[in-house]
């Protein structure tokens, strides 16, 4: 409620002030509630995928390389990488697989490329029905020491 103050001539005037006491009371009650309930909250565990090691390297592997400029290259076994457009990637991979649709496709990318470019390449391959699509993983510390 607003307090009413009277001045010398009987004229009444309201004093505009914010009453902080209810605000402080609410904040203290909330603080106590959070302090009591915090130890009761269980933390969830996140299961991250692990990298498995293959016992035997497949003899025929198709590499899709995503460069730093997000341009795609297709490399078959030990041949020189050839440029390929994203909309023709699935067609070129299926041609390279030939009759063996179980040939693995490995996507490797430059460390500075956006993750979105890698996911787009993987999505194009998987929506085309290519069964074995994986990501290349480098073991060891990064080259720049971070």
N, C-alpha and C. Protein backbone atom coordinates (compact mmCIF):
# COMPACT_ATOMS: atom_id res chain seq x y z
N UNK A 1 0.84 -1.17 0.00
CA UNK A 1 0.00 0.00 0.00
C UNK A 1 0.88 1.24 0.00
N UNK A 2 0.37 2.26 -0.52
CA UNK A 2 1.13 3.50 -0.56
C UNK A 2 0.94 4.24 0.76
N UNK A 3 2.01 4.77 1.24
CA UNK A 3 1.93 5.54 2.48
C UNK A 3 1.46 6.95 2.15
N UNK A 4 0.71 7.50 3.06
CA UNK A 4 0.19 8.84 2.83
C UNK A 4 0.90 9.79 3.80
N UNK A 5 1.44 10.83 3.25
CA UNK A 5 2.14 11.81 4.09
C UNK A 5 1.39 13.12 4.03
N UNK A 6 1.36 13.77 5.13
CA UNK A 6 0.67 15.06 5.12
C UNK A 6 1.70 16.17 5.27
N UNK A 7 1.45 17.18 4.57
CA UNK A 7 2.32 18.35 4.67
C UNK A 7 1.57 19.42 5.43
N UNK A 8 2.24 20.41 5.76
CA UNK A 8 1.75 21.47 6.63
C UNK A 8 0.32 21.93 6.42
N UNK A 9 -0.20 22.06 5.23
CA UNK A 9 -1.50 22.68 5.03
C UNK A 9 -2.65 21.68 4.91
N UNK A 10 -2.46 20.45 5.31
CA UNK A 10 -3.55 19.50 5.25
C UNK A 10 -3.69 18.84 3.89
N UNK A 11 -2.77 19.08 3.04
CA UNK A 11 -2.81 18.47 1.71
C UNK A 11 -2.15 17.10 1.79
N UNK A 12 -2.82 16.09 1.29
CA UNK A 12 -2.27 14.74 1.34
C UNK A 12 -1.62 14.39 0.01
N UNK A 13 -0.50 13.68 0.11
CA UNK A 13 0.23 13.29 -1.10
C UNK A 13 0.77 11.87 -0.91
N UNK A 14 0.70 11.04 -1.94
CA UNK A 14 1.20 9.68 -1.84
C UNK A 14 2.70 9.66 -2.11
N UNK A 15 3.37 8.74 -1.45
CA UNK A 15 4.81 8.57 -1.65
C UNK A 15 5.00 7.33 -2.54
N UNK A 16 5.65 7.52 -3.67
CA UNK A 16 5.86 6.42 -4.61
C UNK A 16 7.19 5.74 -4.31
N UNK A 17 7.13 4.60 -3.64
CA UNK A 17 8.32 3.81 -3.34
C UNK A 17 8.01 2.35 -3.60
N UNK A 18 9.05 1.61 -3.95
CA UNK A 18 8.89 0.18 -4.14
C UNK A 18 9.20 -0.51 -2.81
N UNK A 19 8.29 -1.33 -2.39
CA UNK A 19 8.49 -2.08 -1.15
C UNK A 19 9.28 -3.33 -1.49
N UNK A 20 10.52 -3.43 -1.03
CA UNK A 20 11.42 -4.53 -1.38
C UNK A 20 11.26 -5.75 -0.47
N UNK A 21 10.60 -5.64 0.65
CA UNK A 21 10.52 -6.73 1.61
C UNK A 21 9.86 -7.98 1.02
N UNK A 22 8.71 -7.90 0.33
CA UNK A 22 8.13 -9.13 -0.26
C UNK A 22 9.04 -9.75 -1.31
N UNK A 23 9.70 -8.91 -2.07
CA UNK A 23 10.61 -9.42 -3.10
C UNK A 23 11.75 -10.21 -2.46
N UNK A 24 12.34 -9.68 -1.41
CA UNK A 24 13.45 -10.36 -0.71
C UNK A 24 12.94 -11.65 -0.08
N UNK A 25 11.76 -11.65 0.48
CA UNK A 25 11.20 -12.87 1.09
C UNK A 25 11.04 -13.98 0.05
N UNK A 26 10.52 -13.62 -1.11
CA UNK A 26 10.32 -14.62 -2.18
C UNK A 26 11.67 -15.16 -2.64
N UNK A 27 12.65 -14.30 -2.80
CA UNK A 27 13.97 -14.75 -3.25
C UNK A 27 14.62 -15.69 -2.22
N UNK A 28 14.48 -15.38 -0.94
CA UNK A 28 15.04 -16.26 0.09
C UNK A 28 14.35 -17.63 0.10
N UNK A 29 13.04 -17.64 -0.07
CA UNK A 29 12.32 -18.92 -0.12
C UNK A 29 12.77 -19.74 -1.33
N UNK A 30 12.91 -19.09 -2.48
CA UNK A 30 13.38 -19.81 -3.67
C UNK A 30 14.81 -20.34 -3.47
N UNK A 31 15.66 -19.54 -2.86
CA UNK A 31 17.03 -19.98 -2.59
C UNK A 31 17.04 -21.22 -1.72
N UNK A 32 16.23 -21.24 -0.68
CA UNK A 32 16.16 -22.41 0.21
C UNK A 32 15.64 -23.62 -0.54
N UNK A 33 14.62 -23.44 -1.37
CA UNK A 33 14.07 -24.56 -2.15
C UNK A 33 15.13 -25.14 -3.07
N UNK A 34 15.86 -24.29 -3.77
CA UNK A 34 16.90 -24.78 -4.69
C UNK A 34 18.04 -25.44 -3.94
N UNK A 35 18.41 -24.90 -2.79
CA UNK A 35 19.50 -25.51 -2.01
C UNK A 35 19.11 -26.90 -1.50
N UNK A 36 17.86 -27.07 -1.13
CA UNK A 36 17.42 -28.37 -0.62
C UNK A 36 17.24 -29.37 -1.76
N UNK A 37 16.73 -28.91 -2.90
CA UNK A 37 16.43 -29.85 -3.99
C UNK A 37 17.65 -30.17 -4.87
N UNK A 38 18.70 -29.35 -4.87
CA UNK A 38 19.87 -29.58 -5.73
C UNK A 38 20.54 -30.93 -5.49
N UNK A 39 20.78 -31.35 -4.25
CA UNK A 39 21.42 -32.66 -4.05
C UNK A 39 20.54 -33.84 -4.46
N UNK A 40 19.26 -33.63 -4.57
CA UNK A 40 18.35 -34.72 -4.92
C UNK A 40 18.28 -34.98 -6.42
N UNK A 41 18.77 -34.05 -7.22
CA UNK A 41 18.71 -34.20 -8.68
C UNK A 41 19.80 -35.16 -9.13
N UNK A 42 19.41 -36.19 -9.87
CA UNK A 42 20.40 -37.14 -10.38
C UNK A 42 20.92 -36.64 -11.73
N UNK A 43 22.20 -36.78 -11.92
CA UNK A 43 22.80 -36.36 -13.19
C UNK A 43 22.71 -37.51 -14.18
N UNK A 44 22.44 -37.18 -15.42
CA UNK A 44 22.33 -38.20 -16.46
C UNK A 44 23.69 -38.49 -17.08
N UNK A 45 23.85 -39.68 -17.56
CA UNK A 45 25.08 -40.08 -18.24
C UNK A 45 24.82 -40.10 -19.74
N UNK A 46 25.80 -39.64 -20.49
CA UNK A 46 25.70 -39.63 -21.95
C UNK A 46 26.63 -40.70 -22.48
N UNK A 47 26.10 -41.63 -23.23
CA UNK A 47 26.92 -42.67 -23.84
C UNK A 47 27.38 -42.19 -25.21
N UNK A 48 28.67 -41.90 -25.32
CA UNK A 48 29.23 -41.46 -26.59
C UNK A 48 29.66 -42.67 -27.40
N UNK A 49 29.59 -42.57 -28.72
CA UNK A 49 30.01 -43.72 -29.53
C UNK A 49 31.51 -43.92 -29.43
N UNK A 50 31.91 -45.16 -29.54
CA UNK A 50 33.33 -45.48 -29.49
C UNK A 50 33.79 -45.88 -30.89
N UNK A 51 35.08 -45.81 -31.08
CA UNK A 51 35.67 -46.15 -32.37
C UNK A 51 36.15 -47.58 -32.30
N UNK A 52 35.65 -48.41 -33.18
CA UNK A 52 36.09 -49.79 -33.22
C UNK A 52 37.20 -49.98 -34.23
N UNK A 53 38.01 -50.96 -34.00
CA UNK A 53 39.10 -51.26 -34.93
C UNK A 53 38.71 -52.46 -35.79
N UNK A 54 38.95 -52.34 -37.06
CA UNK A 54 38.65 -53.43 -37.97
C UNK A 54 39.79 -54.43 -37.94
N UNK A 55 39.44 -55.70 -37.95
CA UNK A 55 40.48 -56.74 -37.93
C UNK A 55 41.20 -56.80 -39.27
N UNK A 56 40.45 -56.63 -40.33
CA UNK A 56 41.04 -56.75 -41.65
C UNK A 56 40.54 -55.59 -42.51
N UNK A 57 41.48 -54.91 -43.12
CA UNK A 57 41.14 -53.79 -43.99
C UNK A 57 40.46 -54.33 -45.25
N UNK A 58 39.31 -53.79 -45.65
CA UNK A 58 38.68 -54.26 -46.88
C UNK A 58 39.57 -53.95 -48.08
N UNK A 59 39.49 -54.81 -49.08
CA UNK A 59 40.37 -54.62 -50.24
C UNK A 59 39.89 -53.52 -51.17
N UNK A 60 38.60 -53.24 -51.17
CA UNK A 60 38.06 -52.20 -52.06
C UNK A 60 37.27 -51.21 -51.21
N UNK A 61 37.78 -49.96 -51.12
CA UNK A 61 37.14 -48.92 -50.31
C UNK A 61 36.94 -47.68 -51.17
N UNK A 62 35.79 -47.04 -51.02
CA UNK A 62 35.50 -45.80 -51.73
C UNK A 62 35.60 -44.66 -50.72
N UNK A 63 36.47 -43.70 -50.99
CA UNK A 63 36.66 -42.55 -50.09
C UNK A 63 35.95 -41.34 -50.66
N UNK A 64 35.16 -40.68 -49.82
CA UNK A 64 34.56 -39.39 -50.17
C UNK A 64 35.30 -38.36 -49.30
N UNK A 65 35.97 -37.43 -49.95
CA UNK A 65 36.78 -36.44 -49.24
C UNK A 65 36.08 -35.09 -49.32
N UNK A 66 35.82 -34.49 -48.15
CA UNK A 66 35.23 -33.16 -48.10
C UNK A 66 36.36 -32.19 -47.78
N UNK A 67 36.69 -31.33 -48.74
CA UNK A 67 37.79 -30.40 -48.58
C UNK A 67 37.42 -29.20 -47.72
N UNK A 68 38.42 -28.38 -47.42
CA UNK A 68 38.20 -27.19 -46.58
C UNK A 68 37.23 -26.21 -47.25
N UNK A 69 37.19 -26.23 -48.58
CA UNK A 69 36.26 -25.36 -49.31
C UNK A 69 34.90 -26.02 -49.51
N UNK A 70 34.68 -27.17 -48.84
CA UNK A 70 33.44 -27.95 -48.87
C UNK A 70 33.16 -28.57 -50.24
N UNK A 71 34.18 -28.69 -51.08
CA UNK A 71 34.03 -29.38 -52.36
C UNK A 71 34.33 -30.86 -52.13
N UNK A 72 33.59 -31.70 -52.84
CA UNK A 72 33.72 -33.14 -52.67
C UNK A 72 34.64 -33.73 -53.70
N UNK A 73 35.39 -34.76 -53.27
CA UNK A 73 36.23 -35.54 -54.17
C UNK A 73 35.98 -37.00 -53.89
N UNK A 74 36.04 -37.80 -54.93
CA UNK A 74 35.81 -39.23 -54.82
C UNK A 74 37.10 -39.95 -55.15
N UNK A 75 37.54 -40.84 -54.24
CA UNK A 75 38.79 -41.56 -54.45
C UNK A 75 38.51 -43.06 -54.35
N UNK A 76 38.87 -43.77 -55.38
CA UNK A 76 38.70 -45.22 -55.41
C UNK A 76 40.05 -45.88 -55.16
N UNK A 77 40.14 -46.65 -54.10
CA UNK A 77 41.35 -47.36 -53.71
C UNK A 77 42.58 -46.45 -53.76
N UNK A 78 43.49 -46.69 -54.70
CA UNK A 78 44.74 -45.93 -54.75
C UNK A 78 44.77 -44.95 -55.90
N UNK A 79 43.64 -44.73 -56.53
CA UNK A 79 43.58 -43.79 -57.65
C UNK A 79 43.64 -42.35 -57.16
N UNK A 80 43.82 -41.43 -58.09
CA UNK A 80 43.82 -40.00 -57.78
C UNK A 80 42.39 -39.54 -57.51
N UNK A 81 42.16 -38.70 -56.49
CA UNK A 81 40.79 -38.21 -56.21
C UNK A 81 40.23 -37.38 -57.37
N UNK A 82 38.95 -37.58 -57.65
CA UNK A 82 38.29 -36.84 -58.72
C UNK A 82 37.16 -36.00 -58.12
N UNK A 83 37.01 -34.79 -58.63
CA UNK A 83 35.96 -33.89 -58.16
C UNK A 83 34.58 -34.44 -58.51
N UNK A 84 33.63 -34.20 -57.60
CA UNK A 84 32.26 -34.65 -57.84
C UNK A 84 31.31 -33.66 -57.17
N UNK A 85 30.16 -33.44 -57.79
CA UNK A 85 29.14 -32.56 -57.24
C UNK A 85 28.28 -33.36 -56.25
N UNK A 86 27.70 -32.68 -55.28
CA UNK A 86 26.90 -33.35 -54.26
C UNK A 86 25.69 -34.07 -54.87
N UNK A 87 25.06 -33.46 -55.87
CA UNK A 87 23.87 -34.09 -56.47
C UNK A 87 24.22 -35.31 -57.31
N UNK A 88 25.48 -35.51 -57.66
CA UNK A 88 25.89 -36.68 -58.45
C UNK A 88 26.70 -37.67 -57.62
N UNK A 89 26.86 -37.39 -56.33
CA UNK A 89 27.70 -38.23 -55.47
C UNK A 89 27.17 -39.66 -55.37
N UNK A 90 25.90 -39.84 -55.10
CA UNK A 90 25.33 -41.18 -54.93
C UNK A 90 25.45 -41.99 -56.22
N UNK A 91 25.20 -41.34 -57.34
CA UNK A 91 25.30 -42.02 -58.64
C UNK A 91 26.73 -42.50 -58.89
N UNK A 92 27.70 -41.64 -58.61
CA UNK A 92 29.11 -42.00 -58.83
C UNK A 92 29.56 -43.11 -57.88
N UNK A 93 29.08 -43.08 -56.64
CA UNK A 93 29.44 -44.13 -55.68
C UNK A 93 28.83 -45.46 -56.09
N UNK A 94 27.57 -45.44 -56.52
CA UNK A 94 26.94 -46.68 -56.97
C UNK A 94 27.65 -47.26 -58.19
N UNK A 95 28.09 -46.38 -59.09
CA UNK A 95 28.86 -46.84 -60.26
C UNK A 95 30.17 -47.46 -59.81
N UNK A 96 30.83 -46.84 -58.84
CA UNK A 96 32.11 -47.35 -58.34
C UNK A 96 31.92 -48.68 -57.60
N UNK A 97 30.80 -48.84 -56.93
CA UNK A 97 30.53 -50.09 -56.23
C UNK A 97 30.27 -51.23 -57.21
N UNK A 98 29.67 -50.93 -58.32
CA UNK A 98 29.36 -51.96 -59.31
C UNK A 98 28.36 -52.95 -58.77
N UNK A 99 28.66 -54.21 -58.91
CA UNK A 99 27.73 -55.25 -58.46
C UNK A 99 27.86 -55.54 -56.96
N UNK A 100 28.98 -55.12 -56.35
CA UNK A 100 29.20 -55.37 -54.92
C UNK A 100 28.66 -54.19 -54.11
N UNK A 101 27.39 -54.26 -53.72
CA UNK A 101 26.78 -53.15 -52.98
C UNK A 101 27.24 -53.11 -51.53
N UNK A 102 28.05 -54.07 -51.12
CA UNK A 102 28.57 -54.10 -49.76
C UNK A 102 29.91 -53.40 -49.62
N UNK A 103 30.39 -52.77 -50.69
CA UNK A 103 31.66 -52.04 -50.64
C UNK A 103 31.51 -50.85 -49.70
N UNK A 104 32.42 -50.72 -48.72
CA UNK A 104 32.28 -49.62 -47.76
C UNK A 104 32.63 -48.27 -48.36
N UNK A 105 31.91 -47.25 -47.89
CA UNK A 105 32.17 -45.87 -48.29
C UNK A 105 32.61 -45.12 -47.04
N UNK A 106 33.79 -44.50 -47.10
CA UNK A 106 34.35 -43.80 -45.95
C UNK A 106 34.39 -42.31 -46.28
N UNK A 107 33.82 -41.50 -45.40
CA UNK A 107 33.82 -40.05 -45.59
C UNK A 107 34.89 -39.47 -44.67
N UNK A 108 35.80 -38.71 -45.26
CA UNK A 108 36.80 -38.00 -44.46
C UNK A 108 36.72 -36.53 -44.82
N UNK A 109 37.00 -35.69 -43.83
CA UNK A 109 36.84 -34.25 -44.04
C UNK A 109 38.01 -33.49 -43.43
N UNK A 110 38.26 -32.33 -43.98
CA UNK A 110 39.24 -31.42 -43.42
C UNK A 110 38.75 -30.96 -42.05
N UNK A 111 39.66 -30.71 -41.12
CA UNK A 111 39.25 -30.34 -39.77
C UNK A 111 38.54 -28.99 -39.71
N UNK A 112 38.72 -28.13 -40.72
CA UNK A 112 38.10 -26.81 -40.70
C UNK A 112 36.76 -26.75 -41.42
N UNK A 113 36.32 -27.88 -41.98
CA UNK A 113 35.07 -27.89 -42.72
C UNK A 113 33.89 -27.90 -41.74
N UNK A 114 32.78 -27.29 -42.14
CA UNK A 114 31.58 -27.29 -41.30
C UNK A 114 31.01 -28.69 -41.25
N UNK A 115 30.51 -29.05 -40.10
CA UNK A 115 29.94 -30.38 -39.90
C UNK A 115 28.75 -30.60 -40.83
N UNK A 116 28.06 -29.53 -41.16
CA UNK A 116 26.89 -29.62 -42.03
C UNK A 116 27.24 -30.21 -43.39
N UNK A 117 28.42 -29.89 -43.93
CA UNK A 117 28.83 -30.41 -45.23
C UNK A 117 29.03 -31.92 -45.17
N UNK A 118 29.59 -32.41 -44.07
CA UNK A 118 29.79 -33.85 -43.90
C UNK A 118 28.45 -34.56 -43.77
N UNK A 119 27.54 -33.97 -43.01
CA UNK A 119 26.23 -34.59 -42.82
C UNK A 119 25.43 -34.61 -44.12
N UNK A 120 25.56 -33.57 -44.93
CA UNK A 120 24.87 -33.55 -46.22
C UNK A 120 25.36 -34.69 -47.11
N UNK A 121 26.68 -34.89 -47.16
CA UNK A 121 27.24 -35.98 -47.97
C UNK A 121 26.75 -37.33 -47.46
N UNK A 122 26.76 -37.51 -46.15
CA UNK A 122 26.31 -38.77 -45.56
C UNK A 122 24.82 -38.98 -45.83
N UNK A 123 24.03 -37.94 -45.74
CA UNK A 123 22.59 -38.03 -45.97
C UNK A 123 22.29 -38.41 -47.41
N UNK A 124 23.01 -37.82 -48.36
CA UNK A 124 22.80 -38.13 -49.78
C UNK A 124 23.09 -39.61 -50.03
N UNK A 125 24.18 -40.11 -49.43
CA UNK A 125 24.54 -41.51 -49.64
C UNK A 125 23.53 -42.46 -49.00
N UNK A 126 23.12 -42.15 -47.78
CA UNK A 126 22.20 -43.04 -47.09
C UNK A 126 20.81 -43.02 -47.70
N UNK A 127 20.35 -41.85 -48.18
CA UNK A 127 19.03 -41.82 -48.82
C UNK A 127 19.04 -42.48 -50.18
N UNK A 128 20.22 -42.67 -50.77
CA UNK A 128 20.31 -43.39 -52.04
C UNK A 128 20.36 -44.90 -51.83
N UNK A 129 20.36 -45.33 -50.56
CA UNK A 129 20.34 -46.76 -50.28
C UNK A 129 21.71 -47.39 -50.16
N UNK A 130 22.76 -46.60 -50.02
CA UNK A 130 24.11 -47.15 -49.86
C UNK A 130 24.25 -47.59 -48.41
N UNK A 131 24.51 -48.89 -48.23
CA UNK A 131 24.40 -49.50 -46.90
C UNK A 131 25.56 -49.17 -45.97
N UNK A 132 26.77 -49.30 -46.42
CA UNK A 132 27.93 -49.16 -45.52
C UNK A 132 28.59 -47.80 -45.70
N UNK A 133 28.15 -46.83 -44.92
CA UNK A 133 28.73 -45.48 -44.94
C UNK A 133 29.30 -45.21 -43.56
N UNK A 134 30.57 -44.79 -43.52
CA UNK A 134 31.21 -44.51 -42.24
C UNK A 134 32.05 -43.26 -42.31
N UNK A 135 32.57 -42.85 -41.16
CA UNK A 135 33.42 -41.68 -41.07
C UNK A 135 34.84 -42.11 -40.76
N UNK A 136 35.81 -41.46 -41.40
CA UNK A 136 37.21 -41.75 -41.12
C UNK A 136 37.59 -41.06 -39.82
N UNK A 137 38.34 -41.77 -38.98
CA UNK A 137 38.78 -41.24 -37.70
C UNK A 137 40.29 -41.31 -37.65
N UNK A 138 40.89 -40.20 -37.22
CA UNK A 138 42.35 -40.17 -37.09
C UNK A 138 42.69 -40.40 -35.63
N UNK A 139 43.58 -41.35 -35.38
CA UNK A 139 44.02 -41.62 -34.02
C UNK A 139 45.21 -40.72 -33.68
N UNK A 140 45.35 -40.42 -32.40
CA UNK A 140 46.49 -39.61 -31.96
C UNK A 140 46.11 -38.17 -31.79
N UNK A 141 47.05 -37.35 -31.31
CA UNK A 141 46.76 -35.93 -31.09
C UNK A 141 46.73 -35.17 -32.39
N UNK A 142 46.03 -34.04 -32.41
CA UNK A 142 45.99 -33.21 -33.63
C UNK A 142 47.37 -32.68 -33.97
N UNK A 143 47.54 -32.34 -35.22
CA UNK A 143 48.85 -31.90 -35.71
C UNK A 143 49.31 -30.59 -35.08
N UNK A 144 48.38 -29.71 -34.73
CA UNK A 144 48.76 -28.41 -34.19
C UNK A 144 48.94 -28.44 -32.67
N UNK A 145 48.78 -29.61 -32.05
CA UNK A 145 49.07 -29.76 -30.64
C UNK A 145 47.92 -29.40 -29.70
N UNK A 146 46.73 -29.07 -30.21
CA UNK A 146 45.59 -28.73 -29.34
C UNK A 146 44.77 -29.95 -29.06
